[in-house]
Amino acid sequence: MYPARFNYLRTDSFADASVALLSGGAGAKALAGGQTLIPMLKLRLLKPELIIDLGGITNADDIAVGEGVIEIGALARHAQIGTFDGLKAFPIIGDCALGIADAQVRNMGTIGGSLAEADPCSCWPALLVALEAEVLIQGPQGERVLSVRDLLADAYTPDLAPGELITRIAISRAALSGTGAFVAFKRAAPAYPTGSCALQVAFDGDRIASARIGFGCLGLTPLAFDQANEIAAGKLLVDDLVEDIAQAASEFVEPIEDIKGSEAYKRSLARGLVIHAFKVVKARRERAVAPGTHTYYGR
């Protein structure tokens, strides 16, 4: 199908895009990678009067790896992030970026667009809530900083005021200490996962210094399982500990029964994802061959 008629504006700054978005009101939509917006336009599920193309904004896709913080421009593509040399030391990021959908989506879709969509099944939100990342937001009143957890407090409804746009994502290097993995269970590569789990574990010698876990698709919002750190901190990474964390996680998640599975099934899936993520982390820490991070059950 073809979209309904709309006016088109290409801007060269987030400030100009913010003004245009505010002026257009409910009839205006911002276009980043377009991997969600364009299909909805074609199906006429959305009929905006104005499309504001952000693609002309210079350096909006840059990636900067600093000593204390990693900053990623909102228009950075999934594939670009996943293959960026400066991020290869943090495999959890590559797991997430390069496991998203198919090659087309990875080469066109953007991290900022994924967050602005606020889909609880998207991959980036599950990772970024686990890492306690922040976003920089440009709006009519200037800039503000917001945690990803606060940004995604409601499903499909990011905490963005009229005219506001996400411009950058910031991840503390401290949150990426140690070894991590992002694992997902999905019907097929292009589909959203039935469940996903981000796990980052820092070590102090042989003992766990901290453990960060986030879940996608297992609640109405991405879920940060902070209790994992309370259970794991100061302990050895052994099977019994992993089982304790996995069991607690299965009780923590808030799954909704749908065509992908019952509540009980998804709680069991959460448990399995945690166990699998720890297996990947353990193998990577020991420089052994790690299991695959994405499992496809529709084959």
C-alpha atoms as a PDB file:
ATOM      1  CA  MET A   1       0.000   0.000   0.000  1.00  0.00           C
ATOM      2  CA  TYR A   2       0.915   3.646  -0.344  1.00  0.00           C
ATOM      3  CA  PRO A   3       0.891   6.131   2.518  1.00  0.00           C
ATOM      4  CA  ALA A   4      -1.674   8.902   2.711  1.00  0.00           C
ATOM      5  CA  ARG A   5      -0.426  12.282   1.505  1.00  0.00           C
ATOM      6  CA  PHE A   6       1.833  14.213   3.857  1.00  0.00           C
ATOM      7  CA  ASN A   7       4.172  17.192   3.830  1.00  0.00           C
ATOM      8  CA  TYR A   8       7.893  16.501   4.164  1.00  0.00           C
ATOM      9  CA  LEU A   9      10.578  18.524   5.931  1.00  0.00           C
ATOM     10  CA  ARG A  10      14.277  17.644   6.214  1.00  0.00           C
ATOM     11  CA  THR A  11      16.074  19.470   9.014  1.00  0.00           C
ATOM     12  CA  ASP A  12      19.776  19.892   9.746  1.00  0.00           C
ATOM     13  CA  SER A  13      19.597  20.237  13.548  1.00  0.00           C
ATOM     14  CA  PHE A  14      17.666  18.745  16.423  1.00  0.00           C
ATOM     15  CA  ALA A  15      16.705  22.256  17.528  1.00  0.00           C
ATOM     16  CA  ASP A  16      14.999  22.954  14.181  1.00  0.00           C
ATOM     17  CA  ALA A  17      13.385  19.520  14.195  1.00  0.00           C
ATOM     18  CA  SER A  18      12.057  20.178  17.699  1.00  0.00           C
ATOM     19  CA  VAL A  19      10.453  23.450  16.618  1.00  0.00           C
ATOM     20  CA  ALA A  20       8.887  21.806  13.574  1.00  0.00           C
ATOM     21  CA  LEU A  21       7.632  18.864  15.611  1.00  0.00           C
ATOM     22  CA  LEU A  22       6.037  21.169  18.175  1.00  0.00           C
ATOM     23  CA  SER A  23       4.468  23.353  15.479  1.00  0.00           C
ATOM     24  CA  GLY A  24       3.041  20.319  13.701  1.00  0.00           C
ATOM     25  CA  GLY A  25       1.374  19.061  16.858  1.00  0.00           C
ATOM     26  CA  ALA A  26      -0.314  15.667  16.776  1.00  0.00           C
ATOM     27  CA  GLY A  27      -0.128  15.668  12.974  1.00  0.00           C
ATOM     28  CA  ALA A  28       3.693  15.624  12.895  1.00  0.00           C
ATOM     29  CA  LYS A  29       6.007  12.621  13.139  1.00  0.00           C
ATOM     30  CA  ALA A  30       9.808  12.445  13.249  1.00  0.00           C
ATOM     31  CA  LEU A  31      11.567  10.046  10.877  1.00  0.00           C
ATOM     32  CA  ALA A  32      14.841   8.456  12.003  1.00  0.00           C
ATOM     33  CA  GLY A  33      15.548   5.022  10.484  1.00  0.00           C
ATOM     34  CA  GLY A  34      11.922   4.521   9.507  1.00  0.00           C
ATOM     35  CA  GLN A  35      11.797   0.795  10.213  1.00  0.00           C
ATOM     36  CA  THR A  36       8.678   1.185  12.340  1.00  0.00           C
ATOM     37  CA  LEU A  37       7.200   4.392  10.954  1.00  0.00           C
ATOM     38  CA  ILE A  38       7.309   3.556   7.245  1.00  0.00           C
ATOM     39  CA  PRO A  39       5.402   0.237   7.497  1.00  0.00           C
ATOM     40  CA  MET A  40       2.768   1.969   9.618  1.00  0.00           C
ATOM     41  CA  LEU A  41       2.458   4.706   6.996  1.00  0.00           C
ATOM     42  CA  LYS A  42       2.093   2.152   4.214  1.00  0.00           C
ATOM     43  CA  LEU A  43      -0.640   0.326   6.128  1.00  0.00           C
ATOM     44  CA  ARG A  44      -2.236   3.712   6.898  1.00  0.00           C
ATOM     45  CA  LEU A  45      -2.224   2.929  10.589  1.00  0.00           C
ATOM     46  CA  LEU A  46      -0.722   6.413  10.844  1.00  0.00           C
ATOM     47  CA  LYS A  47      -1.745   9.337   8.630  1.00  0.00           C
ATOM     48  CA  PRO A  48       0.488  12.239   9.722  1.00  0.00           C
ATOM     49  CA  GLU A  49       0.231  15.603   8.002  1.00  0.00           C
ATOM     50  CA  LEU A  50       3.959  16.274   8.331  1.00  0.00           C
ATOM     51  CA  ILE A  51       7.037  14.017   8.323  1.00  0.00           C
ATOM     52  CA  ILE A  52      10.204  15.574   9.753  1.00  0.00           C
ATOM     53  CA  ASP A  53      13.284  13.764   8.454  1.00  0.00           C
ATOM     54  CA  LEU A  54      16.165  13.778  10.953  1.00  0.00           C
ATOM     55  CA  GLY A  55      18.607  12.179   8.507  1.00  0.00           C
ATOM     56  CA  GLY A  56      20.285  15.446   7.567  1.00  0.00           C
ATOM     57  CA  ILE A  57      21.517  16.234  11.089  1.00  0.00           C
ATOM     58  CA  THR A  58      25.332  16.218  11.084  1.00  0.00           C
ATOM     59  CA  ASN A  59      27.139  13.925  13.563  1.00  0.00           C
ATOM     60  CA  ALA A  60      23.869  12.643  15.001  1.00  0.00           C
ATOM     61  CA  ASP A  61      25.153   9.092  14.496  1.00  0.00           C
ATOM     62  CA  ASP A  62      28.599   9.468  16.057  1.00  0.00           C
ATOM     63  CA  ILE A  63      29.926   7.101  18.735  1.00  0.00           C
ATOM     64  CA  ALA A  64      32.389   8.368  21.344  1.00  0.00           C
ATOM     65  CA  VAL A  65      34.124   6.014  23.777  1.00  0.00           C
ATOM     66  CA  GLY A  66      35.467   8.136  26.620  1.00  0.00           C
ATOM     67  CA  GLU A  67      37.322   7.147  29.772  1.00  0.00           C
ATOM     68  CA  GLY A  68      34.194   7.371  31.900  1.00  0.00           C
ATOM     69  CA  VAL A  69      31.259   7.384  29.505  1.00  0.00           C
ATOM     70  CA  ILE A  70      30.270   5.930  26.144  1.00  0.00           C
ATOM     71  CA  GLU A  71      28.053   8.263  24.116  1.00  0.00           C
ATOM     72  CA  ILE A  72      26.054   7.098  21.114  1.00  0.00           C
ATOM     73  CA  GLY A  73      24.249   9.470  18.777  1.00  0.00           C
ATOM     74  CA  ALA A  74      20.534   8.797  18.496  1.00  0.00           C
ATOM     75  CA  LEU A  75      20.782   8.234  14.728  1.00  0.00           C
ATOM     76  CA  ALA A  76      23.490   5.577  15.000  1.00  0.00           C
ATOM     77  CA  ARG A  77      22.335   2.464  13.157  1.00  0.00           C
ATOM     78  CA  HIS A  78      22.178  -0.910  14.878  1.00  0.00           C
ATOM     79  CA  ALA A  79      24.785  -2.429  12.531  1.00  0.00           C
ATOM     80  CA  GLN A  80      27.044   0.593  12.927  1.00  0.00           C
ATOM     81  CA  ILE A  81      27.009   0.206  16.713  1.00  0.00           C
ATOM     82  CA  GLY A  82      27.495  -3.548  16.589  1.00  0.00           C
ATOM     83  CA  THR A  83      30.574  -3.323  14.341  1.00  0.00           C
ATOM     84  CA  PHE A  84      32.182  -0.217  15.858  1.00  0.00           C
ATOM     85  CA  ASP A  85      35.766  -1.086  16.809  1.00  0.00           C
ATOM     86  CA  GLY A  86      35.703   0.949  20.012  1.00  0.00           C
ATOM     87  CA  LEU A  87      32.786  -1.100  21.364  1.00  0.00           C
ATOM     88  CA  LYS A  88      34.120  -4.581  20.648  1.00  0.00           C
ATOM     89  CA  ALA A  89      35.537  -4.735  24.184  1.00  0.00           C
ATOM     90  CA  PHE A  90      31.917  -4.789  25.388  1.00  0.00           C
ATOM     91  CA  PRO A  91      30.366  -7.870  23.729  1.00  0.00           C
ATOM     92  CA  ILE A  92      26.990  -7.322  25.364  1.00  0.00           C
ATOM     93  CA  ILE A  93      26.506  -4.313  23.079  1.00  0.00           C
ATOM     94  CA  GLY A  94      27.380  -6.282  19.957  1.00  0.00           C
ATOM     95  CA  ASP A  95      25.110  -9.144  21.034  1.00  0.00           C
ATOM     96  CA  CYS A  96      22.202  -6.729  21.226  1.00  0.00           C
ATOM     97  CA  ALA A  97      22.906  -4.647  18.131  1.00  0.00           C
ATOM     98  CA  LEU A  98      23.727  -7.504  15.768  1.00  0.00           C
ATOM     99  CA  GLY A  99      20.886  -9.718  16.964  1.00  0.00           C
ATOM    100  CA  ILE A 100      18.191  -7.221  16.016  1.00  0.00           C
ATOM    101  CA  ALA A 101      15.900  -8.394  13.222  1.00  0.00           C
ATOM    102  CA  ASP A 102      17.513  -8.780   9.786  1.00  0.00           C
ATOM    103  CA  ALA A 103      20.209  -7.004   7.787  1.00  0.00           C
ATOM    104  CA  GLN A 104      17.866  -4.349   6.407  1.00  0.00           C
ATOM    105  CA  VAL A 105      16.578  -3.337   9.806  1.00  0.00           C
ATOM    106  CA  ARG A 106      20.068  -3.384  11.333  1.00  0.00           C
ATOM    107  CA  ASN A 107      21.410  -1.155   8.564  1.00  0.00           C
ATOM    108  CA  MET A 108      18.520   1.317   8.666  1.00  0.00           C
ATOM    109  CA  GLY A 109      17.079   1.230  12.176  1.00  0.00           C
ATOM    110  CA  THR A 110      18.475   3.589  14.833  1.00  0.00           C
ATOM    111  CA  ILE A 111      19.025   3.289  18.555  1.00  0.00           C
ATOM    112  CA  GLY A 112      17.204   6.575  19.203  1.00  0.00           C
ATOM    113  CA  GLY A 113      14.218   5.470  17.167  1.00  0.00           C
ATOM    114  CA  SER A 114      14.070   2.202  19.075  1.00  0.00           C
ATOM    115  CA  LEU A 115      13.944   4.057  22.388  1.00  0.00           C
ATOM    116  CA  ALA A 116      11.409   6.611  21.153  1.00  0.00           C
ATOM    117  CA  GLU A 117       9.120   3.780  20.047  1.00  0.00           C
ATOM    118  CA  ALA A 118       9.155   2.457  23.647  1.00  0.00           C
ATOM    119  CA  ASP A 119       8.160  -1.038  22.581  1.00  0.00           C
ATOM    120  CA  PRO A 120       8.676  -3.349  25.598  1.00  0.00           C
ATOM    121  CA  CYS A 121       9.837  -6.092  23.212  1.00  0.00           C
ATOM    122  CA  SER A 122      12.620  -4.024  21.630  1.00  0.00           C
ATOM    123  CA  CYS A 123      16.155  -5.125  22.393  1.00  0.00           C
ATOM    124  CA  TRP A 124      17.896  -1.837  23.220  1.00  0.00           C
ATOM    125  CA  PRO A 125      15.543  -0.953  26.105  1.00  0.00           C
ATOM    126  CA  ALA A 126      16.241  -4.246  27.918  1.00  0.00           C
ATOM    127  CA  LEU A 127      19.987  -3.642  27.647  1.00  0.00           C
ATOM    128  CA  LEU A 128      19.940   0.035  28.542  1.00  0.00           C
ATOM    129  CA  VAL A 129      17.760  -0.312  31.641  1.00  0.00           C
ATOM    130  CA  ALA A 130      20.137  -2.997  32.921  1.00  0.00           C
ATOM    131  CA  LEU A 131      23.119  -0.660  32.381  1.00  0.00           C
ATOM    132  CA  GLU A 132      21.274   2.330  33.885  1.00  0.00           C
ATOM    133  CA  ALA A 133      21.928   4.370  30.756  1.00  0.00           C
ATOM    134  CA  GLU A 134      20.764   7.951  30.246  1.00  0.00           C
ATOM    135  CA  VAL A 135      19.436   9.906  27.282  1.00  0.00           C
ATOM    136  CA  LEU A 136      19.989  13.511  26.281  1.00  0.00           C
ATOM    137  CA  ILE A 137      16.760  15.113  25.097  1.00  0.00           C
ATOM    138  CA  GLN A 138      16.360  18.254  22.971  1.00  0.00           C
ATOM    139  CA  GLY A 139      13.116  20.175  23.286  1.00  0.00           C
ATOM    140  CA  PRO A 140      11.558  23.609  22.957  1.00  0.00           C
ATOM    141  CA  GLN A 141      12.825  24.499  26.421  1.00  0.00           C
ATOM    142  CA  GLY A 142      16.387  23.327  25.723  1.00  0.00           C
ATOM    143  CA  GLU A 143      18.124  20.111  26.752  1.00  0.00           C
ATOM    144  CA  ARG A 144      17.550  17.744  29.640  1.00  0.00           C
ATOM    145  CA  VAL A 145      18.949  14.407  30.794  1.00  0.00           C
ATOM    146  CA  LEU A 146      16.737  11.481  31.725  1.00  0.00           C
ATOM    147  CA  SER A 147      17.452   7.900  32.725  1.00  0.00           C
ATOM    148  CA  VAL A 148      16.268   5.265  30.259  1.00  0.00           C
ATOM    149  CA  ARG A 149      14.332   3.674  33.108  1.00  0.00           C
ATOM    150  CA  ASP A 150      12.314   6.873  33.557  1.00  0.00           C
ATOM    151  CA  LEU A 151      12.013   7.424  29.814  1.00  0.00           C
ATOM    152  CA  LEU A 152      10.375   4.000  29.355  1.00  0.00           C
ATOM    153  CA  ALA A 153       8.079   3.968  32.354  1.00  0.00           C
ATOM    154  CA  ASP A 154       5.034   3.161  30.169  1.00  0.00           C
ATOM    155  CA  ALA A 155       4.600   0.856  27.176  1.00  0.00           C
ATOM    156  CA  TYR A 156       4.731   2.640  23.813  1.00  0.00           C
ATOM    157  CA  THR A 157       4.669   5.976  25.648  1.00  0.00           C
ATOM    158  CA  PRO A 158       8.138   7.465  26.175  1.00  0.00           C
ATOM    159  CA  ASP A 159       8.381  10.306  28.670  1.00  0.00           C
ATOM    160  CA  LEU A 160       8.851  12.934  25.968  1.00  0.00           C
ATOM    161  CA  ALA A 161       7.004  16.250  26.025  1.00  0.00           C
ATOM    162  CA  PRO A 162       5.606  17.721  22.779  1.00  0.00           C
ATOM    163  CA  GLY A 163       8.499  18.694  20.507  1.00  0.00           C
ATOM    164  CA  GLU A 164      11.126  16.687  22.417  1.00  0.00           C
ATOM    165  CA  LEU A 165      13.589  14.389  20.658  1.00  0.00           C
ATOM    166  CA  ILE A 166      16.238  11.972  21.923  1.00  0.00           C
ATOM    167  CA  THR A 167      19.647  13.146  20.699  1.00  0.00           C
ATOM    168  CA  ARG A 168      22.221  10.981  22.496  1.00  0.00           C
ATOM    169  CA  ILE A 169      22.518   7.910  24.713  1.00  0.00           C
ATOM    170  CA  ALA A 170      25.125   7.742  27.497  1.00  0.00           C
ATOM    171  CA  ILE A 171      26.376   4.551  29.164  1.00  0.00           C
ATOM    172  CA  SER A 172      28.761   4.659  32.112  1.00  0.00           C
ATOM    173  CA  ARG A 173      31.951   2.643  31.586  1.00  0.00           C
ATOM    174  CA  ALA A 174      31.560   1.471  35.198  1.00  0.00           C
ATOM    175  CA  ALA A 175      28.277  -0.255  34.263  1.00  0.00           C
ATOM    176  CA  LEU A 176      30.172  -2.209  31.610  1.00  0.00           C
ATOM    177  CA  SER A 177      32.877  -3.508  33.938  1.00  0.00           C
ATOM    178  CA  GLY A 178      33.513  -7.222  33.655  1.00  0.00           C
ATOM    179  CA  THR A 179      31.836  -9.480  31.119  1.00  0.00           C
ATOM    180  CA  GLY A 180      28.358  -9.454  29.680  1.00  0.00           C
ATOM    181  CA  ALA A 181      25.920 -11.103  27.308  1.00  0.00           C
ATOM    182  CA  PHE A 182      22.598 -10.259  25.701  1.00  0.00           C
ATOM    183  CA  VAL A 183      20.499 -13.334  24.937  1.00  0.00           C
ATOM    184  CA  ALA A 184      17.152 -13.629  23.197  1.00  0.00           C
ATOM    185  CA  PHE A 185      14.622 -16.316  22.332  1.00  0.00           C
ATOM    186  CA  LYS A 186      12.582 -15.629  19.197  1.00  0.00           C
ATOM    187  CA  ARG A 187      10.510 -17.312  16.515  1.00  0.00           C
ATOM    188  CA  ALA A 188      12.706 -16.031  13.672  1.00  0.00           C
ATOM    189  CA  ALA A 189      15.392 -13.420  13.163  1.00  0.00           C
ATOM    190  CA  PRO A 190      13.063 -10.642  11.906  1.00  0.00           C
ATOM    191  CA  ALA A 191      10.591 -11.160  14.764  1.00  0.00           C
ATOM    192  CA  TYR A 192      10.639  -9.477  18.136  1.00  0.00           C
ATOM    193  CA  PRO A 193      11.868 -11.848  20.862  1.00  0.00           C
ATOM    194  CA  THR A 194       9.478 -13.800  23.039  1.00  0.00           C
ATOM    195  CA  GLY A 195      11.915 -12.895  25.796  1.00  0.00           C
ATOM    196  CA  SER A 196      15.353 -11.306  26.115  1.00  0.00           C
ATOM    197  CA  CYS A 197      17.864 -10.883  28.912  1.00  0.00           C
ATOM    198  CA  ALA A 198      20.835  -8.559  29.318  1.00  0.00           C
ATOM    199  CA  LEU A 199      23.453  -9.657  31.873  1.00  0.00           C
ATOM    200  CA  GLN A 200      26.628  -7.798  32.861  1.00  0.00           C
ATOM    201  CA  VAL A 201      28.810  -9.254  35.619  1.00  0.00           C
ATOM    202  CA  ALA A 202      31.812  -7.558  37.229  1.00  0.00           C
ATOM    203  CA  PHE A 203      34.285  -9.616  39.241  1.00  0.00           C
ATOM    204  CA  ASP A 204      36.575  -8.999  42.185  1.00  0.00           C
ATOM    205  CA  GLY A 205      39.007 -11.863  41.855  1.00  0.00           C
ATOM    206  CA  ASP A 206      36.942 -15.042  41.770  1.00  0.00           C
ATOM    207  CA  ARG A 207      33.903 -13.426  43.352  1.00  0.00           C
ATOM    208  CA  ILE A 208      31.133 -11.390  41.799  1.00  0.00           C
ATOM    209  CA  ALA A 209      31.450  -7.691  42.492  1.00  0.00           C
ATOM    210  CA  SER A 210      28.170  -6.766  40.804  1.00  0.00           C
ATOM    211  CA  ALA A 211      25.516  -8.250  38.528  1.00  0.00           C
ATOM    212  CA  ARG A 212      23.149  -6.262  36.314  1.00  0.00           C
ATOM    213  CA  ILE A 213      20.157  -7.856  34.611  1.00  0.00           C
ATOM    214  CA  GLY A 214      17.461  -6.430  32.354  1.00  0.00           C
ATOM    215  CA  PHE A 215      14.545  -8.190  30.642  1.00  0.00           C
ATOM    216  CA  GLY A 216      12.629  -7.414  27.462  1.00  0.00           C
ATOM    217  CA  CYS A 217       9.213  -8.750  26.386  1.00  0.00           C
ATOM    218  CA  LEU A 218       8.461 -10.091  29.862  1.00  0.00           C
ATOM    219  CA  GLY A 219       6.413  -7.146  31.112  1.00  0.00           C
ATOM    220  CA  LEU A 220       4.668  -4.018  29.875  1.00  0.00           C
ATOM    221  CA  THR A 221       7.988  -2.182  30.104  1.00  0.00           C
ATOM    222  CA  PRO A 222      11.621  -3.309  30.021  1.00  0.00           C
ATOM    223  CA  LEU A 223      12.426  -4.641  33.476  1.00  0.00           C
ATOM    224  CA  ALA A 224      15.563  -3.977  35.524  1.00  0.00           C
ATOM    225  CA  PHE A 225      16.115  -6.900  37.877  1.00  0.00           C
ATOM    226  CA  ASP A 226      18.202  -5.117  40.538  1.00  0.00           C
ATOM    227  CA  GLN A 227      17.622  -7.924  43.026  1.00  0.00           C
ATOM    228  CA  ALA A 228      20.146  -9.988  41.058  1.00  0.00           C
ATOM    229  CA  ASN A 229      22.945  -7.854  42.464  1.00  0.00           C
ATOM    230  CA  GLU A 230      21.705  -8.349  46.009  1.00  0.00           C
ATOM    231  CA  ILE A 231      21.753 -12.116  45.520  1.00  0.00           C
ATOM    232  CA  ALA A 232      25.086 -12.333  43.668  1.00  0.00           C
ATOM    233  CA  ALA A 233      27.407  -9.700  45.138  1.00  0.00           C
ATOM    234  CA  GLY A 234      30.370 -11.177  46.987  1.00  0.00           C
ATOM    235  CA  LYS A 235      29.685 -14.758  45.942  1.00  0.00           C
ATOM    236  CA  LEU A 236      31.396 -17.256  43.670  1.00  0.00           C
ATOM    237  CA  LEU A 237      29.875 -17.894  40.255  1.00  0.00           C
ATOM    238  CA  VAL A 238      28.644 -21.455  40.788  1.00  0.00           C
ATOM    239  CA  ASP A 239      25.638 -23.356  39.465  1.00  0.00           C
ATOM    240  CA  ASP A 240      23.650 -23.065  42.696  1.00  0.00           C
ATOM    241  CA  LEU A 241      23.988 -19.278  42.675  1.00  0.00           C
ATOM    242  CA  VAL A 242      22.893 -19.073  39.039  1.00  0.00           C
ATOM    243  CA  GLU A 243      19.884 -21.241  39.838  1.00  0.00           C
ATOM    244  CA  ASP A 244      18.944 -18.963  42.765  1.00  0.00           C
ATOM    245  CA  ILE A 245      19.126 -15.868  40.546  1.00  0.00           C
ATOM    246  CA  ALA A 246      17.215 -17.590  37.742  1.00  0.00           C
ATOM    247  CA  GLN A 247      14.447 -18.687  40.084  1.00  0.00           C
ATOM    248  CA  ALA A 248      14.158 -15.213  41.601  1.00  0.00           C
ATOM    249  CA  ALA A 249      14.027 -13.745  38.089  1.00  0.00           C
ATOM    250  CA  SER A 250      11.178 -16.062  37.082  1.00  0.00           C
ATOM    251  CA  GLU A 251       9.198 -14.745  40.035  1.00  0.00           C
ATOM    252  CA  PHE A 252      10.160 -11.131  39.342  1.00  0.00           C
ATOM    253  CA  VAL A 253       9.112 -10.796  35.696  1.00  0.00           C
ATOM    254  CA  GLU A 254       5.608  -9.630  34.791  1.00  0.00           C
ATOM    255  CA  PRO A 255       4.693 -11.643  31.679  1.00  0.00           C
ATOM    256  CA  ILE A 256       1.467 -11.156  29.766  1.00  0.00           C
ATOM    257  CA  GLU A 257      -0.180 -14.229  28.263  1.00  0.00           C
ATOM    258  CA  ASP A 258      -0.476 -13.950  24.472  1.00  0.00           C
ATOM    259  CA  ILE A 259      -0.013 -16.036  21.323  1.00  0.00           C
ATOM    260  CA  LYS A 260       3.668 -16.475  22.182  1.00  0.00           C
ATOM    261  CA  GLY A 261       2.955 -18.281  25.428  1.00  0.00           C
ATOM    262  CA  SER A 262       1.269 -18.441  28.794  1.00  0.00           C
ATOM    263  CA  GLU A 263       2.395 -16.616  31.902  1.00  0.00           C
ATOM    264  CA  ALA A 264       3.876 -19.829  33.317  1.00  0.00           C
ATOM    265  CA  TYR A 265       5.738 -20.509  30.079  1.00  0.00           C
ATOM    266  CA  LYS A 266       7.260 -17.035  30.050  1.00  0.00           C
ATOM    267  CA  ARG A 267       8.322 -17.276  33.681  1.00  0.00           C
ATOM    268  CA  SER A 268      10.091 -20.505  32.797  1.00  0.00           C
ATOM    269  CA  LEU A 269      11.632 -18.733  29.798  1.00  0.00           C
ATOM    270  CA  ALA A 270      12.984 -15.968  32.041  1.00  0.00           C
ATOM    271  CA  ARG A 271      14.666 -18.605  34.175  1.00  0.00           C
ATOM    272  CA  GLY A 272      16.189 -20.268  31.126  1.00  0.00           C
ATOM    273  CA  LEU A 273      17.422 -16.967  29.688  1.00  0.00           C
ATOM    274  CA  VAL A 274      19.258 -16.126  32.910  1.00  0.00           C
ATOM    275  CA  ILE A 275      20.929 -19.536  33.019  1.00  0.00           C
ATOM    276  CA  HIS A 276      21.938 -19.255  29.361  1.00  0.00           C
ATOM    277  CA  ALA A 277      23.278 -15.711  29.803  1.00  0.00           C
ATOM    278  CA  PHE A 278      25.462 -16.847  32.713  1.00  0.00           C
ATOM    279  CA  LYS A 279      26.802 -19.710  30.581  1.00  0.00           C
ATOM    280  CA  VAL A 280      27.854 -17.203  27.919  1.00  0.00           C
ATOM    281  CA  VAL A 281      29.455 -14.911  30.505  1.00  0.00           C
ATOM    282  CA  LYS A 282      31.326 -17.787  32.118  1.00  0.00           C
ATOM    283  CA  ALA A 283      32.671 -19.012  28.763  1.00  0.00           C
ATOM    284  CA  ARG A 284      33.751 -15.532  27.727  1.00  0.00           C
ATOM    285  CA  ARG A 285      35.492 -14.935  31.031  1.00  0.00           C
ATOM    286  CA  GLU A 286      37.382 -18.197  30.620  1.00  0.00           C
ATOM    287  CA  ARG A 287      38.135 -17.358  26.956  1.00  0.00           C
ATOM    288  CA  ALA A 288      36.330 -20.516  25.909  1.00  0.00           C
ATOM    289  CA  VAL A 289      33.921 -20.954  23.013  1.00  0.00           C
ATOM    290  CA  ALA A 290      30.682 -19.342  24.145  1.00  0.00           C
ATOM    291  CA  PRO A 291      27.184 -20.618  23.297  1.00  0.00           C
ATOM    292  CA  GLY A 292      25.164 -18.623  20.779  1.00  0.00           C
ATOM    293  CA  THR A 293      23.268 -15.682  22.186  1.00  0.00           C
ATOM    294  CA  HIS A 294      20.130 -15.868  20.005  1.00  0.00           C
ATOM    295  CA  THR A 295      17.903 -18.931  19.779  1.00  0.00           C
ATOM    296  CA  TYR A 296      15.304 -19.281  16.998  1.00  0.00           C
ATOM    297  CA  TYR A 297      12.514 -21.744  17.682  1.00  0.00           C
ATOM    298  CA  GLY A 298      10.651 -21.359  14.373  1.00  0.00           C
ATOM    299  CA  ARG A 299      13.201 -23.291  12.344  1.00  0.00           C
END
